Amino acid sequence: MKNLTLIFGAVYGLISVVLGAFGAHALKKIISVEKLQSFETGVRYQMYAALFLLMVGYILKFETSSEKWIAILMIAGTFLFSVSIYFLSMSEAWNMNLKFLGPITPIGGLLMIISWGMLIFYFAKTKF
């Protein structure tokens, strides 16, 4: 689980840099300012999650199920949150109705929040 967490952290970081550059250069011409801001929010939160996963990948020992769930919830939450935002941002450019993805974004955000909360609880109960 430790390696998987570190790999997801690195992959999420790489993808957020690539998509950030794509948004800053290519998307500016094809989507509205409002959609571009949403896209950038997805990129930003994906980078936060990448740093989170790299941090917990080094700190946690992954000996308990709660330690594993901290990483799992962040990995899944980030995917749901950011990918749904990316698709919603591109829906007009692709001329597709993707509004059904709208409820996915807050579910992903909730999973990320729970992961942060579990990390706080882990730090509060662990003696370093």
Protein backbone atom coordinates (compact mmCIF):
# COMPACT_ATOMS: atom_id res chain seq x y z
CA MET A 1 0.00 0.00 0.00
CA LYS A 2 2.93 2.31 0.73
CA ASN A 3 4.30 1.98 -2.82
CA LEU A 4 0.84 2.35 -4.35
CA THR A 5 0.26 5.55 -2.37
CA LEU A 6 3.60 6.99 -3.47
CA ILE A 7 2.96 6.01 -7.09
CA PHE A 8 -0.49 7.64 -7.07
CA GLY A 9 1.03 10.75 -5.49
CA ALA A 10 3.65 10.99 -8.21
CA VAL A 11 1.17 10.23 -11.03
CA TYR A 12 -1.36 12.75 -9.71
CA GLY A 13 1.42 15.35 -9.50
CA LEU A 14 2.59 14.66 -13.04
CA ILE A 15 -0.92 14.76 -14.48
CA SER A 16 -1.76 17.99 -12.66
CA VAL A 17 1.31 19.73 -14.12
CA VAL A 18 0.47 18.49 -17.62
CA LEU A 19 -3.21 19.48 -17.32
CA GLY A 20 -2.29 22.82 -15.74
CA ALA A 21 -0.10 23.65 -18.73
CA PHE A 22 -2.78 22.40 -21.11
CA GLY A 23 -5.38 24.59 -19.41
CA ALA A 24 -3.16 27.66 -19.40
CA HIS A 25 -2.28 27.41 -23.07
CA ALA A 26 -4.73 25.34 -25.11
CA LEU A 27 -8.01 25.52 -23.19
CA LYS A 28 -7.96 29.29 -22.86
CA LYS A 29 -8.98 29.47 -26.50
CA ILE A 30 -11.80 26.91 -26.49
CA ILE A 31 -13.67 27.14 -23.17
CA SER A 32 -15.20 30.01 -21.23
CA VAL A 33 -13.39 31.79 -18.42
CA GLU A 34 -15.81 30.24 -15.91
CA LYS A 35 -15.14 26.72 -17.21
CA LEU A 36 -11.40 27.38 -17.24
CA GLN A 37 -11.54 28.46 -13.59
CA SER A 38 -13.34 25.21 -12.73
CA PHE A 39 -10.74 23.22 -14.66
CA GLU A 40 -7.97 25.01 -12.75
CA THR A 41 -9.71 24.14 -9.47
CA GLY A 42 -9.58 20.46 -10.42
CA VAL A 43 -5.88 20.78 -11.27
CA ARG A 44 -5.10 22.62 -8.02
CA TYR A 45 -6.87 20.10 -5.80
CA GLN A 46 -5.25 17.24 -7.68
CA MET A 47 -1.84 18.74 -6.89
CA TYR A 48 -2.80 19.16 -3.22
CA ALA A 49 -3.78 15.48 -3.20
CA ALA A 50 -0.50 14.51 -4.89
CA LEU A 51 1.47 16.24 -2.16
CA PHE A 52 -0.80 14.72 0.51
CA LEU A 53 -0.24 11.21 -0.88
CA LEU A 54 3.52 11.68 -1.08
CA MET A 55 3.54 12.93 2.51
CA VAL A 56 1.43 10.10 3.93
CA GLY A 57 3.29 7.59 1.79
CA TYR A 58 6.45 8.47 3.67
CA ILE A 59 4.91 9.03 7.12
CA LEU A 60 2.45 6.16 7.48
CA LYS A 61 3.50 2.57 8.02
CA PHE A 62 0.21 1.19 6.62
CA GLU A 63 -0.02 -1.37 9.41
CA THR A 64 -3.65 -0.61 10.26
CA SER A 65 -6.75 -0.46 8.14
CA SER A 66 -7.31 3.18 9.10
CA GLU A 67 -3.88 4.09 7.72
CA LYS A 68 -4.75 2.34 4.47
CA TRP A 69 -8.13 4.09 4.28
CA ILE A 70 -6.45 7.49 4.62
CA ALA A 71 -4.70 6.84 1.30
CA ILE A 72 -7.57 4.99 -0.39
CA LEU A 73 -10.07 7.77 0.33
CA MET A 74 -7.70 10.45 -0.96
CA ILE A 75 -6.90 8.48 -4.12
CA ALA A 76 -10.56 7.76 -4.89
CA GLY A 77 -11.82 11.18 -3.78
CA THR A 78 -9.31 13.02 -5.92
CA PHE A 79 -10.17 10.93 -8.95
CA LEU A 80 -13.90 11.55 -8.54
CA PHE A 81 -13.47 15.24 -7.72
CA SER A 82 -10.92 16.29 -10.32
CA VAL A 83 -11.94 14.06 -13.21
CA SER A 84 -15.60 15.07 -12.89
CA ILE A 85 -14.55 18.73 -12.95
CA TYR A 86 -12.36 18.15 -16.02
CA PHE A 87 -15.22 16.52 -17.90
CA LEU A 88 -17.77 19.12 -16.79
CA SER A 89 -15.40 21.88 -17.88
CA MET A 90 -15.01 20.34 -21.31
CA SER A 91 -18.69 19.49 -21.86
CA GLU A 92 -19.42 22.57 -23.98
CA ALA A 93 -16.29 22.18 -26.09
CA TRP A 94 -17.18 18.54 -26.70
CA ASN A 95 -20.84 19.47 -27.25
CA MET A 96 -21.93 16.83 -24.74
CA ASN A 97 -24.39 16.99 -21.85
CA LEU A 98 -22.36 15.73 -18.89
CA LYS A 99 -24.45 17.33 -16.15
CA PHE A 100 -25.01 13.88 -14.63
CA LEU A 101 -21.41 14.16 -13.39
CA GLY A 102 -22.34 17.14 -11.21
CA PRO A 103 -23.17 15.08 -8.09
CA ILE A 104 -19.90 13.14 -8.43
CA THR A 105 -17.76 16.20 -7.65
CA PRO A 106 -19.01 16.75 -4.07
CA ILE A 107 -18.82 13.01 -3.34
CA GLY A 108 -15.15 13.12 -4.32
CA GLY A 109 -14.65 16.21 -2.21
CA LEU A 110 -16.30 14.52 0.77
CA LEU A 111 -13.97 11.53 0.46
CA MET A 112 -11.00 13.92 0.42
CA ILE A 113 -12.29 15.71 3.52
CA ILE A 114 -12.76 12.40 5.35
CA SER A 115 -9.20 11.42 4.43
CA TRP A 116 -7.85 14.70 5.86
CA GLY A 117 -9.94 14.17 9.01
CA MET A 118 -8.60 10.65 9.43
CA LEU A 119 -5.05 11.98 9.06
CA ILE A 120 -5.72 14.56 11.77
CA PHE A 121 -7.04 11.79 14.03
CA TYR A 122 -3.96 9.65 13.23
CA PHE A 123 -1.62 12.50 14.18
CA ALA A 124 -3.58 13.23 17.37
CA LYS A 125 -3.36 9.66 18.64
CA THR A 126 0.15 8.77 17.46
CA LYS A 127 3.23 9.39 19.58
CA PHE A 128 6.15 10.35 17.36
